[in-house]
Amino acid sequence: SGSIHYPRSTPEMWPDLIWKAKQGGLDVIQTYVFWNGHEP
């Protein structure tokens, strides 16, 4: 698995980051859920 935190990149970056993670041999993407971003 590998941590990729969605607010620390942009939606336009996500597909490329996820693809590179898969090419790197990952099975799982791990992320936190950021309360203060979701319920300001």
PDB file of all heavy atoms in Angstrom:
ATOM      1  N   SER A   1       0.832  -1.197   0.000  1.00  0.00           N
ATOM      2  CA  SER A   1       0.000   0.000   0.000  1.00  0.00           C
ATOM      3  C   SER A   1       0.871   1.253   0.000  1.00  0.00           C
ATOM      4  O   SER A   1       2.055   1.208   0.357  1.00  0.00           O
ATOM      5  CB  SER A   1      -0.912  -0.021   1.240  1.00  0.00           C
ATOM      6  OG  SER A   1      -1.645   1.169   1.383  1.00  0.00           O
ATOM      7  N   GLY A   2       0.263   2.369  -0.385  1.00  0.00           N
ATOM      8  CA  GLY A   2       0.976   3.641  -0.352  1.00  0.00           C
ATOM      9  C   GLY A   2       0.042   4.784  -0.032  1.00  0.00           C
ATOM     10  O   GLY A   2      -1.097   4.827  -0.509  1.00  0.00           O
ATOM     11  N   SER A   3       0.497   5.723   0.789  1.00  0.00           N
ATOM     12  CA  SER A   3      -0.324   6.873   1.173  1.00  0.00           C
ATOM     13  C   SER A   3      -0.253   7.961   0.105  1.00  0.00           C
ATOM     14  O   SER A   3       0.837   8.416  -0.272  1.00  0.00           O
ATOM     15  CB  SER A   3       0.143   7.447   2.508  1.00  0.00           C
ATOM     16  OG  SER A   3      -0.189   6.582   3.575  1.00  0.00           O
ATOM     17  N   ILE A   4      -1.420   8.365  -0.369  1.00  0.00           N
ATOM     18  CA  ILE A   4      -1.593   9.537  -1.228  1.00  0.00           C
ATOM     19  C   ILE A   4      -2.764  10.312  -0.642  1.00  0.00           C
ATOM     20  O   ILE A   4      -3.881   9.808  -0.610  1.00  0.00           O
ATOM     21  CB  ILE A   4      -1.884   9.148  -2.693  1.00  0.00           C
ATOM     22  CG1 ILE A   4      -0.731   8.324  -3.284  1.00  0.00           C
ATOM     23  CG2 ILE A   4      -2.138  10.396  -3.535  1.00  0.00           C
ATOM     24  CD1 ILE A   4      -1.005   7.818  -4.698  1.00  0.00           C
ATOM     25  N   HIS A   5      -2.514  11.513  -0.163  1.00  0.00           N
ATOM     26  CA  HIS A   5      -3.556  12.308   0.484  1.00  0.00           C
ATOM     27  C   HIS A   5      -4.198  13.232  -0.549  1.00  0.00           C
ATOM     28  O   HIS A   5      -3.532  14.120  -1.083  1.00  0.00           O
ATOM     29  CB  HIS A   5      -2.979  13.131   1.629  1.00  0.00           C
ATOM     30  CG  HIS A   5      -2.474  12.305   2.764  1.00  0.00           C
ATOM     31  ND1 HIS A   5      -1.587  12.792   3.711  1.00  0.00           N
ATOM     32  CD2 HIS A   5      -2.726  11.014   3.121  1.00  0.00           C
ATOM     33  CE1 HIS A   5      -1.331  11.839   4.599  1.00  0.00           C
ATOM     34  NE2 HIS A   5      -2.010  10.751   4.255  1.00  0.00           N
ATOM     35  N   TYR A   6      -5.479  13.026  -0.791  1.00  0.00           N
ATOM     36  CA  TYR A   6      -6.158  13.743  -1.872  1.00  0.00           C
ATOM     37  C   TYR A   6      -6.073  15.267  -1.772  1.00  0.00           C
ATOM     38  O   TYR A   6      -5.922  15.939  -2.801  1.00  0.00           O
ATOM     39  CB  TYR A   6      -7.625  13.269  -1.985  1.00  0.00           C
ATOM     40  CG  TYR A   6      -8.431  13.301  -0.711  1.00  0.00           C
ATOM     41  CD1 TYR A   6      -9.288  14.349  -0.428  1.00  0.00           C
ATOM     42  CD2 TYR A   6      -8.338  12.263   0.223  1.00  0.00           C
ATOM     43  CE1 TYR A   6     -10.031  14.375   0.750  1.00  0.00           C
ATOM     44  CE2 TYR A   6      -9.077  12.288   1.396  1.00  0.00           C
ATOM     45  CZ  TYR A   6      -9.918  13.349   1.659  1.00  0.00           C
ATOM     46  OH  TYR A   6     -10.643  13.385   2.815  1.00  0.00           O
ATOM     47  N   PRO A   7      -6.114  15.917  -0.574  1.00  0.00           N
ATOM     48  CA  PRO A   7      -6.035  17.387  -0.583  1.00  0.00           C
ATOM     49  C   PRO A   7      -4.625  17.921  -0.849  1.00  0.00           C
ATOM     50  O   PRO A   7      -4.461  19.124  -1.058  1.00  0.00           O
ATOM     51  CB  PRO A   7      -6.499  17.788   0.817  1.00  0.00           C
ATOM     52  CG  PRO A   7      -7.034  16.554   1.460  1.00  0.00           C
ATOM     53  CD  PRO A   7      -6.346  15.421   0.793  1.00  0.00           C
ATOM     54  N   ARG A   8      -3.626  17.039  -0.821  1.00  0.00           N
ATOM     55  CA  ARG A   8      -2.244  17.494  -1.020  1.00  0.00           C
ATOM     56  C   ARG A   8      -1.827  17.435  -2.490  1.00  0.00           C
ATOM     57  O   ARG A   8      -0.637  17.602  -2.804  1.00  0.00           O
ATOM     58  CB  ARG A   8      -1.309  16.660  -0.135  1.00  0.00           C
ATOM     59  CG  ARG A   8      -1.379  17.108   1.327  1.00  0.00           C
ATOM     60  CD  ARG A   8      -0.554  16.265   2.266  1.00  0.00           C
ATOM     61  NE  ARG A   8      -0.234  17.014   3.484  1.00  0.00           N
ATOM     62  CZ  ARG A   8      -0.161  16.500   4.697  1.00  0.00           C
ATOM     63  NH1 ARG A   8      -0.406  15.210   4.897  1.00  0.00           N
ATOM     64  NH2 ARG A   8       0.152  17.246   5.742  1.00  0.00           N
ATOM     65  N   SER A   9      -2.795  17.185  -3.351  1.00  0.00           N
ATOM     66  CA  SER A   9      -2.597  17.285  -4.788  1.00  0.00           C
ATOM     67  C   SER A   9      -3.906  17.786  -5.371  1.00  0.00           C
ATOM     68  O   SER A   9      -4.836  18.096  -4.632  1.00  0.00           O
ATOM     69  CB  SER A   9      -2.181  15.928  -5.379  1.00  0.00           C
ATOM     70  OG  SER A   9      -3.076  14.905  -4.985  1.00  0.00           O
ATOM     71  N   THR A  10      -4.012  17.856  -6.676  1.00  0.00           N
ATOM     72  CA  THR A  10      -5.239  18.336  -7.315  1.00  0.00           C
ATOM     73  C   THR A  10      -5.936  17.175  -8.011  1.00  0.00           C
ATOM     74  O   THR A  10      -5.300  16.183  -8.376  1.00  0.00           O
ATOM     75  CB  THR A  10      -4.919  19.429  -8.344  1.00  0.00           C
ATOM     76  OG1 THR A  10      -4.133  18.855  -9.403  1.00  0.00           O
ATOM     77  CG2 THR A  10      -4.151  20.580  -7.702  1.00  0.00           C
ATOM     78  N   PRO A  11      -7.248  17.291  -8.218  1.00  0.00           N
ATOM     79  CA  PRO A  11      -7.962  16.219  -8.926  1.00  0.00           C
ATOM     80  C   PRO A  11      -7.360  15.893 -10.284  1.00  0.00           C
ATOM     81  O   PRO A  11      -7.394  14.734 -10.723  1.00  0.00           O
ATOM     82  CB  PRO A  11      -9.384  16.779  -9.060  1.00  0.00           C
ATOM     83  CG  PRO A  11      -9.532  17.713  -7.904  1.00  0.00           C
ATOM     84  CD  PRO A  11      -8.179  18.342  -7.730  1.00  0.00           C
ATOM     85  N   GLU A  12      -6.790  16.910 -10.932  1.00  0.00           N
ATOM     86  CA  GLU A  12      -6.172  16.672 -12.240  1.00  0.00           C
ATOM     87  C   GLU A  12      -4.902  15.831 -12.113  1.00  0.00           C
ATOM     88  O   GLU A  12      -4.502  15.162 -13.069  1.00  0.00           O
ATOM     89  CB  GLU A  12      -5.858  18.012 -12.907  1.00  0.00           C
ATOM     90  CG  GLU A  12      -7.089  18.808 -13.323  1.00  0.00           C
ATOM     91  CD  GLU A  12      -7.812  19.486 -12.160  1.00  0.00           C
ATOM     92  OE1 GLU A  12      -7.229  19.564 -11.046  1.00  0.00           O
ATOM     93  OE2 GLU A  12      -8.954  19.937 -12.361  1.00  0.00           O
ATOM     94  N   MET A  13      -4.257  15.850 -10.948  1.00  0.00           N
ATOM     95  CA  MET A  13      -3.053  15.051 -10.719  1.00  0.00           C
ATOM     96  C   MET A  13      -3.375  13.618 -10.308  1.00  0.00           C
ATOM     97  O   MET A  13      -2.542  12.722 -10.462  1.00  0.00           O
ATOM     98  CB  MET A  13      -2.184  15.701  -9.626  1.00  0.00           C
ATOM     99  CG  MET A  13      -1.592  17.048  -9.979  1.00  0.00           C
ATOM    100  SD  MET A  13      -0.779  17.827  -8.545  1.00  0.00           S
ATOM    101  CE  MET A  13       0.594  16.688  -8.250  1.00  0.00           C
ATOM    102  N   TRP A  14      -4.566  13.403  -9.743  1.00  0.00           N
ATOM    103  CA  TRP A  14      -4.877  12.107  -9.141  1.00  0.00           C
ATOM    104  C   TRP A  14      -4.699  10.919 -10.087  1.00  0.00           C
ATOM    105  O   TRP A  14      -4.063   9.928  -9.698  1.00  0.00           O
ATOM    106  CB  TRP A  14      -6.295  12.114  -8.563  1.00  0.00           C
ATOM    107  CG  TRP A  14      -6.495  13.035  -7.407  1.00  0.00           C
ATOM    108  CD1 TRP A  14      -5.512  13.622  -6.632  1.00  0.00           C
ATOM    109  CD2 TRP A  14      -7.742  13.511  -6.885  1.00  0.00           C
ATOM    110  NE1 TRP A  14      -6.077  14.421  -5.670  1.00  0.00           N
ATOM    111  CE2 TRP A  14      -7.439  14.376  -5.792  1.00  0.00           C
ATOM    112  CE3 TRP A  14      -9.065  13.291  -7.218  1.00  0.00           C
ATOM    113  CZ2 TRP A  14      -8.428  15.003  -5.054  1.00  0.00           C
ATOM    114  CZ3 TRP A  14     -10.066  13.920  -6.481  1.00  0.00           C
ATOM    115  CH2 TRP A  14      -9.747  14.764  -5.408  1.00  0.00           C
ATOM    116  N   PRO A  15      -5.241  10.943 -11.317  1.00  0.00           N
ATOM    117  CA  PRO A  15      -5.107   9.747 -12.170  1.00  0.00           C
ATOM    118  C   PRO A  15      -3.648   9.356 -12.421  1.00  0.00           C
ATOM    119  O   PRO A  15      -3.307   8.172 -12.391  1.00  0.00           O
ATOM    120  CB  PRO A  15      -5.817  10.154 -13.473  1.00  0.00           C
ATOM    121  CG  PRO A  15      -6.794  11.206 -13.053  1.00  0.00           C
ATOM    122  CD  PRO A  15      -6.094  11.972 -11.962  1.00  0.00           C
ATOM    123  N   ASP A  16      -2.788  10.344 -12.651  1.00  0.00           N
ATOM    124  CA  ASP A  16      -1.382  10.054 -12.917  1.00  0.00           C
ATOM    125  C   ASP A  16      -0.687   9.498 -11.678  1.00  0.00           C
ATOM    126  O   ASP A  16       0.099   8.543 -11.766  1.00  0.00           O
ATOM    127  CB  ASP A  16      -0.672  11.326 -13.389  1.00  0.00           C
ATOM    128  CG  ASP A  16       0.789  11.076 -13.750  1.00  0.00           C
ATOM    129  OD1 ASP A  16       1.038  10.322 -14.713  1.00  0.00           O
ATOM    130  OD2 ASP A  16       1.673  11.623 -13.051  1.00  0.00           O
ATOM    131  N   LEU A  17      -0.976  10.076 -10.518  1.00  0.00           N
ATOM    132  CA  LEU A  17      -0.379   9.581  -9.272  1.00  0.00           C
ATOM    133  C   LEU A  17      -0.802   8.136  -9.011  1.00  0.00           C
ATOM    134  O   LEU A  17       0.024   7.284  -8.643  1.00  0.00           O
ATOM    135  CB  LEU A  17      -0.785  10.465  -8.096  1.00  0.00           C
ATOM    136  CG  LEU A  17      -0.306  11.913  -8.118  1.00  0.00           C
ATOM    137  CD1 LEU A  17      -0.935  12.700  -6.971  1.00  0.00           C
ATOM    138  CD2 LEU A  17       1.223  11.989  -8.022  1.00  0.00           C
ATOM    139  N   ILE A  18      -2.089   7.859  -9.198  1.00  0.00           N
ATOM    140  CA  ILE A  18      -2.611   6.507  -8.945  1.00  0.00           C
ATOM    141  C   ILE A  18      -2.023   5.517  -9.940  1.00  0.00           C
ATOM    142  O   ILE A  18      -1.637   4.393  -9.576  1.00  0.00           O
ATOM    143  CB  ILE A  18      -4.155   6.530  -9.009  1.00  0.00           C
ATOM    144  CG1 ILE A  18      -4.716   7.368  -7.849  1.00  0.00           C
ATOM    145  CG2 ILE A  18      -4.722   5.116  -8.957  1.00  0.00           C
ATOM    146  CD1 ILE A  18      -6.180   7.742  -8.017  1.00  0.00           C
ATOM    147  N   TRP A  19      -1.920   5.912 -11.196  1.00  0.00           N
ATOM    148  CA  TRP A  19      -1.344   5.028 -12.224  1.00  0.00           C
ATOM    149  C   TRP A  19       0.114   4.709 -11.903  1.00  0.00           C
ATOM    150  O   TRP A  19       0.543   3.547 -12.010  1.00  0.00           O
ATOM    151  CB  TRP A  19      -1.458   5.696 -13.593  1.00  0.00           C
ATOM    152  CG  TRP A  19      -0.936   4.836 -14.712  1.00  0.00           C
ATOM    153  CD1 TRP A  19      -1.573   3.832 -15.367  1.00  0.00           C
ATOM    154  CD2 TRP A  19       0.374   4.911 -15.303  1.00  0.00           C
ATOM    155  NE1 TRP A  19      -0.759   3.265 -16.327  1.00  0.00           N
ATOM    156  CE2 TRP A  19       0.445   3.920 -16.304  1.00  0.00           C
ATOM    157  CE3 TRP A  19       1.487   5.721 -15.084  1.00  0.00           C
ATOM    158  CZ2 TRP A  19       1.586   3.712 -17.094  1.00  0.00           C
ATOM    159  CZ3 TRP A  19       2.621   5.515 -15.859  1.00  0.00           C
ATOM    160  CH2 TRP A  19       2.662   4.531 -16.840  1.00  0.00           C
ATOM    161  N   LYS A  20       0.881   5.729 -11.502  1.00  0.00           N
ATOM    162  CA  LYS A  20       2.291   5.501 -11.164  1.00  0.00           C
ATOM    163  C   LYS A  20       2.420   4.613  -9.931  1.00  0.00           C
ATOM    164  O   LYS A  20       3.361   3.822  -9.831  1.00  0.00           O
ATOM    165  CB  LYS A  20       3.006   6.831 -10.949  1.00  0.00           C
ATOM    166  CG  LYS A  20       3.260   7.587 -12.255  1.00  0.00           C
ATOM    167  CD  LYS A  20       3.826   8.977 -12.005  1.00  0.00           C
ATOM    168  CE  LYS A  20       4.121   9.690 -13.304  1.00  0.00           C
ATOM    169  NZ  LYS A  20       4.526  11.114 -13.100  1.00  0.00           N
ATOM    170  N   ALA A  21       1.475   4.750  -9.000  1.00  0.00           N
ATOM    171  CA  ALA A  21       1.480   3.876  -7.826  1.00  0.00           C
ATOM    172  C   ALA A  21       1.228   2.433  -8.244  1.00  0.00           C
ATOM    173  O   ALA A  21       1.878   1.503  -7.748  1.00  0.00           O
ATOM    174  CB  ALA A  21       0.429   4.341  -6.823  1.00  0.00           C
ATOM    175  N   LYS A  22       0.288   2.237  -9.152  1.00  0.00           N
ATOM    176  CA  LYS A  22      -0.002   0.878  -9.620  1.00  0.00           C
ATOM    177  C   LYS A  22       1.193   0.302 -10.370  1.00  0.00           C
ATOM    178  O   LYS A  22       1.565  -0.865 -10.169  1.00  0.00           O
ATOM    179  CB  LYS A  22      -1.241   0.876 -10.511  1.00  0.00           C
ATOM    180  CG  LYS A  22      -1.654  -0.521 -10.956  1.00  0.00           C
ATOM    181  CD  LYS A  22      -2.964  -0.524 -11.709  1.00  0.00           C
ATOM    182  CE  LYS A  22      -3.386  -1.954 -12.059  1.00  0.00           C
ATOM    183  NZ  LYS A  22      -4.686  -1.988 -12.768  1.00  0.00           N
ATOM    184  N   GLN A  23       1.806   1.112 -11.224  1.00  0.00           N
ATOM    185  CA  GLN A  23       2.990   0.642 -11.950  1.00  0.00           C
ATOM    186  C   GLN A  23       4.140   0.337 -10.993  1.00  0.00           C
ATOM    187  O   GLN A  23       5.010  -0.477 -11.295  1.00  0.00           O
ATOM    188  CB  GLN A  23       3.426   1.694 -12.971  1.00  0.00           C
ATOM    189  CG  GLN A  23       2.419   1.940 -14.081  1.00  0.00           C
ATOM    190  CD  GLN A  23       2.083   0.682 -14.848  1.00  0.00           C
ATOM    191  OE1 GLN A  23       2.965  -0.003 -15.369  1.00  0.00           O
ATOM    192  NE2 GLN A  23       0.804   0.344 -14.915  1.00  0.00           N
ATOM    193  N   GLY A  24       4.125   0.986  -9.836  1.00  0.00           N
ATOM    194  CA  GLY A  24       5.149   0.730  -8.830  1.00  0.00           C
ATOM    195  C   GLY A  24       4.888  -0.511  -7.997  1.00  0.00           C
ATOM    196  O   GLY A  24       5.651  -0.802  -7.070  1.00  0.00           O
ATOM    197  N   GLY A  25       3.827  -1.234  -8.316  1.00  0.00           N
ATOM    198  CA  GLY A  25       3.562  -2.502  -7.643  1.00  0.00           C
ATOM    199  C   GLY A  25       2.640  -2.418  -6.451  1.00  0.00           C
ATOM    200  O   GLY A  25       2.567  -3.363  -5.655  1.00  0.00           O
ATOM    201  N   LEU A  26       1.890  -1.304  -6.305  1.00  0.00           N
ATOM    202  CA  LEU A  26       0.986  -1.181  -5.167  1.00  0.00           C
ATOM    203  C   LEU A  26      -0.348  -1.878  -5.439  1.00  0.00           C
ATOM    204  O   LEU A  26      -0.811  -1.947  -6.573  1.00  0.00           O
ATOM    205  CB  LEU A  26       0.728   0.296  -4.854  1.00  0.00           C
ATOM    206  CG  LEU A  26       1.652   0.931  -3.792  1.00  0.00           C
ATOM    207  CD1 LEU A  26       3.113   0.798  -4.185  1.00  0.00           C
ATOM    208  CD2 LEU A  26       1.295   2.398  -3.587  1.00  0.00           C
ATOM    209  N   ASP A  27      -0.924  -2.414  -4.371  1.00  0.00           N
ATOM    210  CA  ASP A  27      -2.267  -2.997  -4.400  1.00  0.00           C
ATOM    211  C   ASP A  27      -3.304  -2.051  -3.810  1.00  0.00           C
ATOM    212  O   ASP A  27      -4.498  -2.158  -4.116  1.00  0.00           O
ATOM    213  CB  ASP A  27      -2.315  -4.288  -3.560  1.00  0.00           C
ATOM    214  CG  ASP A  27      -1.248  -5.287  -3.946  1.00  0.00           C
ATOM    215  OD1 ASP A  27      -1.296  -5.790  -5.071  1.00  0.00           O
ATOM    216  OD2 ASP A  27      -0.368  -5.551  -3.100  1.00  0.00           O
ATOM    217  N   VAL A  28      -2.853  -1.172  -2.920  1.00  0.00           N
ATOM    218  CA  VAL A  28      -3.762  -0.377  -2.084  1.00  0.00           C
ATOM    219  C   VAL A  28      -3.292   1.073  -2.067  1.00  0.00           C
ATOM    220  O   VAL A  28      -2.091   1.344  -2.032  1.00  0.00           O
ATOM    221  CB  VAL A  28      -3.790  -0.908  -0.626  1.00  0.00           C
ATOM    222  CG1 VAL A  28      -4.797  -0.136   0.224  1.00  0.00           C
ATOM    223  CG2 VAL A  28      -4.068  -2.401  -0.576  1.00  0.00           C
ATOM    224  N   ILE A  29      -4.243   2.017  -2.093  1.00  0.00           N
ATOM    225  CA  ILE A  29      -3.961   3.422  -1.805  1.00  0.00           C
ATOM    226  C   ILE A  29      -4.570   3.733  -0.438  1.00  0.00           C
ATOM    227  O   ILE A  29      -5.740   3.452  -0.182  1.00  0.00           O
ATOM    228  CB  ILE A  29      -4.561   4.362  -2.865  1.00  0.00           C
ATOM    229  CG1 ILE A  29      -3.981   4.039  -4.252  1.00  0.00           C
ATOM    230  CG2 ILE A  29      -4.301   5.820  -2.487  1.00  0.00           C
ATOM    231  CD1 ILE A  29      -2.489   4.229  -4.379  1.00  0.00           C
ATOM    232  N   GLN A  30      -3.764   4.324   0.414  1.00  0.00           N
ATOM    233  CA  GLN A  30      -4.213   4.677   1.762  1.00  0.00           C
ATOM    234  C   GLN A  30      -4.321   6.189   1.879  1.00  0.00           C
ATOM    235  O   GLN A  30      -3.443   6.912   1.412  1.00  0.00           O
ATOM    236  CB  GLN A  30      -3.217   4.150   2.789  1.00  0.00           C
ATOM    237  CG  GLN A  30      -3.528   4.536   4.237  1.00  0.00           C
ATOM    238  CD  GLN A  30      -2.542   3.930   5.211  1.00  0.00           C
ATOM    239  OE1 GLN A  30      -2.577   2.744   5.494  1.00  0.00           O
ATOM    240  NE2 GLN A  30      -1.630   4.749   5.718  1.00  0.00           N
ATOM    241  N   THR A  31      -5.405   6.667   2.472  1.00  0.00           N
ATOM    242  CA  THR A  31      -5.523   8.103   2.722  1.00  0.00           C
ATOM    243  C   THR A  31      -6.237   8.347   4.033  1.00  0.00           C
ATOM    244  O   THR A  31      -7.080   7.557   4.464  1.00  0.00           O
ATOM    245  CB  THR A  31      -6.273   8.824   1.590  1.00  0.00           C
ATOM    246  OG1 THR A  31      -6.249  10.244   1.843  1.00  0.00           O
ATOM    247  CG2 THR A  31      -7.723   8.369   1.473  1.00  0.00           C
ATOM    248  N   TYR A  32      -5.872   9.451   4.665  1.00  0.00           N
ATOM    249  CA  TYR A  32      -6.659   9.976   5.769  1.00  0.00           C
ATOM    250  C   TYR A  32      -7.905  10.658   5.209  1.00  0.00           C
ATOM    251  O   TYR A  32      -7.997  10.979   4.017  1.00  0.00           O
ATOM    252  CB  TYR A  32      -5.864  11.024   6.547  1.00  0.00           C
ATOM    253  CG  TYR A  32      -4.806  10.490   7.478  1.00  0.00           C
ATOM    254  CD1 TYR A  32      -3.477  10.912   7.374  1.00  0.00           C
ATOM    255  CD2 TYR A  32      -5.127   9.604   8.490  1.00  0.00           C
ATOM    256  CE1 TYR A  32      -2.499  10.456   8.254  1.00  0.00           C
ATOM    257  CE2 TYR A  32      -4.157   9.135   9.379  1.00  0.00           C
ATOM    258  CZ  TYR A  32      -2.854   9.561   9.248  1.00  0.00           C
ATOM    259  OH  TYR A  32      -1.903   9.115  10.119  1.00  0.00           O
ATOM    260  N   VAL A  33      -8.865  10.937   6.095  1.00  0.00           N
ATOM    261  CA  VAL A  33     -10.013  11.787   5.803  1.00  0.00           C
ATOM    262  C   VAL A  33      -9.850  13.048   6.650  1.00  0.00           C
ATOM    263  O   VAL A  33      -9.672  12.957   7.868  1.00  0.00           O
ATOM    264  CB  VAL A  33     -11.344  11.074   6.120  1.00  0.00           C
ATOM    265  CG1 VAL A  33     -12.520  12.005   5.841  1.00  0.00           C
ATOM    266  CG2 VAL A  33     -11.468   9.794   5.292  1.00  0.00           C
ATOM    267  N   PHE A  34      -9.907  14.219   6.001  1.00  0.00           N
ATOM    268  CA  PHE A  34      -9.513  15.468   6.657  1.00  0.00           C
ATOM    269  C   PHE A  34     -10.755  16.246   7.106  1.00  0.00           C
ATOM    270  O   PHE A  34     -11.375  16.981   6.333  1.00  0.00           O
ATOM    271  CB  PHE A  34      -8.640  16.284   5.707  1.00  0.00           C
ATOM    272  CG  PHE A  34      -7.348  15.583   5.376  1.00  0.00           C
ATOM    273  CD1 PHE A  34      -7.284  14.664   4.337  1.00  0.00           C
ATOM    274  CD2 PHE A  34      -6.211  15.809   6.131  1.00  0.00           C
ATOM    275  CE1 PHE A  34      -6.107  13.996   4.049  1.00  0.00           C
ATOM    276  CE2 PHE A  34      -5.026  15.149   5.848  1.00  0.00           C
ATOM    277  CZ  PHE A  34      -4.972  14.238   4.804  1.00  0.00           C
ATOM    278  N   TRP A  35     -11.079  16.069   8.380  1.00  0.00           N
ATOM    279  CA  TRP A  35     -12.312  16.616   8.952  1.00  0.00           C
ATOM    280  C   TRP A  35     -12.407  18.124   8.742  1.00  0.00           C
ATOM    281  O   TRP A  35     -13.445  18.643   8.317  1.00  0.00           O
ATOM    282  CB  TRP A  35     -12.369  16.249  10.434  1.00  0.00           C
ATOM    283  CG  TRP A  35     -13.652  16.578  11.148  1.00  0.00           C
ATOM    284  CD1 TRP A  35     -14.770  17.190  10.646  1.00  0.00           C
ATOM    285  CD2 TRP A  35     -13.947  16.285  12.524  1.00  0.00           C
ATOM    286  NE1 TRP A  35     -15.744  17.294  11.621  1.00  0.00           N
ATOM    287  CE2 TRP A  35     -15.266  16.749  12.779  1.00  0.00           C
ATOM    288  CE3 TRP A  35     -13.235  15.676  13.556  1.00  0.00           C
ATOM    289  CZ2 TRP A  35     -15.868  16.631  14.035  1.00  0.00           C
ATOM    290  CZ3 TRP A  35     -13.839  15.550  14.808  1.00  0.00           C
ATOM    291  CH2 TRP A  35     -15.137  16.023  15.035  1.00  0.00           C
ATOM    292  N   ASN A  36     -11.334  18.860   9.044  1.00  0.00           N
ATOM    293  CA  ASN A  36     -11.434  20.325   8.960  1.00  0.00           C
ATOM    294  C   ASN A  36     -11.609  20.815   7.530  1.00  0.00           C
ATOM    295  O   ASN A  36     -12.137  21.905   7.306  1.00  0.00           O
ATOM    296  CB  ASN A  36     -10.247  21.025   9.644  1.00  0.00           C
ATOM    297  CG  ASN A  36      -8.900  20.507   9.185  1.00  0.00           C
ATOM    298  OD1 ASN A  36      -8.788  19.792   8.195  1.00  0.00           O
ATOM    299  ND2 ASN A  36      -7.857  20.857   9.920  1.00  0.00           N
ATOM    300  N   GLY A  37     -11.177  20.013   6.551  1.00  0.00           N
ATOM    301  CA  GLY A  37     -11.436  20.376   5.167  1.00  0.00           C
ATOM    302  C   GLY A  37     -12.860  20.102   4.750  1.00  0.00           C
ATOM    303  O   GLY A  37     -13.419  20.798   3.891  1.00  0.00           O
ATOM    304  N   HIS A  38     -13.471  19.087   5.367  1.00  0.00           N
ATOM    305  CA  HIS A  38     -14.811  18.660   4.974  1.00  0.00           C
ATOM    306  C   HIS A  38     -15.927  19.340   5.777  1.00  0.00           C
ATOM    307  O   HIS A  38     -17.062  19.400   5.315  1.00  0.00           O
ATOM    308  CB  HIS A  38     -14.954  17.142   5.128  1.00  0.00           C
ATOM    309  CG  HIS A  38     -14.143  16.367   4.146  1.00  0.00           C
ATOM    310  ND1 HIS A  38     -14.267  16.522   2.791  1.00  0.00           N
ATOM    311  CD2 HIS A  38     -13.182  15.412   4.326  1.00  0.00           C
ATOM    312  CE1 HIS A  38     -13.426  15.694   2.172  1.00  0.00           C
ATOM    313  NE2 HIS A  38     -12.757  15.032   3.079  1.00  0.00           N
ATOM    314  N   GLU A  39     -15.620  19.807   6.988  1.00  0.00           N
ATOM    315  CA  GLU A  39     -16.645  20.475   7.802  1.00  0.00           C
ATOM    316  C   GLU A  39     -16.050  21.751   8.400  1.00  0.00           C
ATOM    317  O   GLU A  39     -15.800  21.842   9.600  1.00  0.00           O
ATOM    318  CB  GLU A  39     -17.168  19.544   8.907  1.00  0.00           C
ATOM    319  CG  GLU A  39     -18.443  20.046   9.557  1.00  0.00           C
ATOM    320  CD  GLU A  39     -18.984  19.107  10.633  1.00  0.00           C
ATOM    321  OE1 GLU A  39     -18.338  18.064  10.915  1.00  0.00           O
ATOM    322  OE2 GLU A  39     -20.042  19.416  11.202  1.00  0.00           O
ATOM    323  N   PRO A  40     -15.814  22.760   7.547  1.00  0.00           N
ATOM    324  CA  PRO A  40     -15.149  23.980   8.026  1.00  0.00           C
ATOM    325  C   PRO A  40     -15.953  24.739   9.070  1.00  0.00           C
ATOM    326  O   PRO A  40     -15.382  25.478   9.871  1.00  0.00           O
ATOM    327  CB  PRO A  40     -14.962  24.805   6.743  1.00  0.00           C
ATOM    328  CG  PRO A  40     -15.944  24.242   5.769  1.00  0.00           C
ATOM    329  CD  PRO A  40     -16.097  22.801   6.106  1.00  0.00           C
TER     330      PRO A  40
END
